[in-house]
Amino acid sequence: MAAEYALVVDGASKAFQAEGGWGSGFRLLPGRARKAPRQVLAVDNVSLRIQKREIYGILGTNGSGKSTLIRLVSTLLLPDSGTVTVFGRDIVRQEQEVKRMINRVSVEASFFKKLSSMENLLYAARLYGLDGRTARAEIVRILGLLGIPRSRINRPVEQMSRGMQQKVAIARAFLTSPILLLLDEPTTGLDPRSKLDVQQFVLGLRDEHDATIVLTSHDMGEADALCDRLAIIDRGKILQEGTPLQLKQELAARTGRTTLPSLEEVFLALAGRSLEEDNEEEAGGQA
């Protein structure tokens, strides 16, 4: 049953209208047939079952559909078809119950930049009905675990580095004690030390708290180090799922290799392109 799992995604799909479709300035010329706007399937019939207390990775390039999938789970988007349940609660019919069990960290966290970390986190705590005195002590503890000393807690967020701001975002998410924590590329753009602090904190959540963690990333090394199981997603579809070791062993068996490939090589074999090629294409399109 769904309640046996932290997260069940069953045949979920989500489409968006492609750029260049009908807009407010669109005019249909006389004698011209109206063409239907082109739809892009960001999530295409995805099914997943994630165990309680599991660190589950969703790996893919930018635009692969992983962030859209996380937004579906977090109730920010509704599926066009299929179902998503969190600890047996449907994200559409039981949205408020789901929201009380989850929290999300995105690659671009938002803050009141003139306020300090403590002020931002106390504000978040009060939104969730947490006691101020208890929250203050917990904020100091969590930020300490993430490598932010007391001396920096009362500085304005705008004076903090990108890495420290992301740590504050993770602290804000965990402050509410979610039993399902959604980390959407939490270490993208961080320096090596900040990335390591975040990774160690994620492992601590799994080992010391009754929390399930879903992590999206295009960092294969990070996924290899953190994830119990993972899925590789490309163009909205799950290409393969398993433990990091299983995915490597399966590719080695298919290709007759005597040594295990890297996760990057697994992704290349499944998706037909590397992460570097995808990033080059994206940079070229922005030039």
Foldseek 3Di string as FASTA:
>chain_A
DLLQFQKWWFQFKDKDFDPPADDPPDDDDPPDDDDHTDIAILAGGDTDTHGWLFAEEEEDAVSLNPVVVVCCQLLVDPTPDTFMDGSRHTCVVPVVVSNLQEFEQAQDDDFPQQFFLLVGLLVLCVVVPHDNVVLSVLLQVQLVLLPDHPVRRGHGNNPDDSLSNLSSSVSSRCSSVHQEYEYHASCPPHDPVSSVSVLVVLVCCSVPHRHYYYYYHNDQVSCLVRGQKYFYTGSNYTQDIGGQVVLQVVVCVVVVHPDTDGVQVSNCVRVVDGNVVVVVVVVVVVD
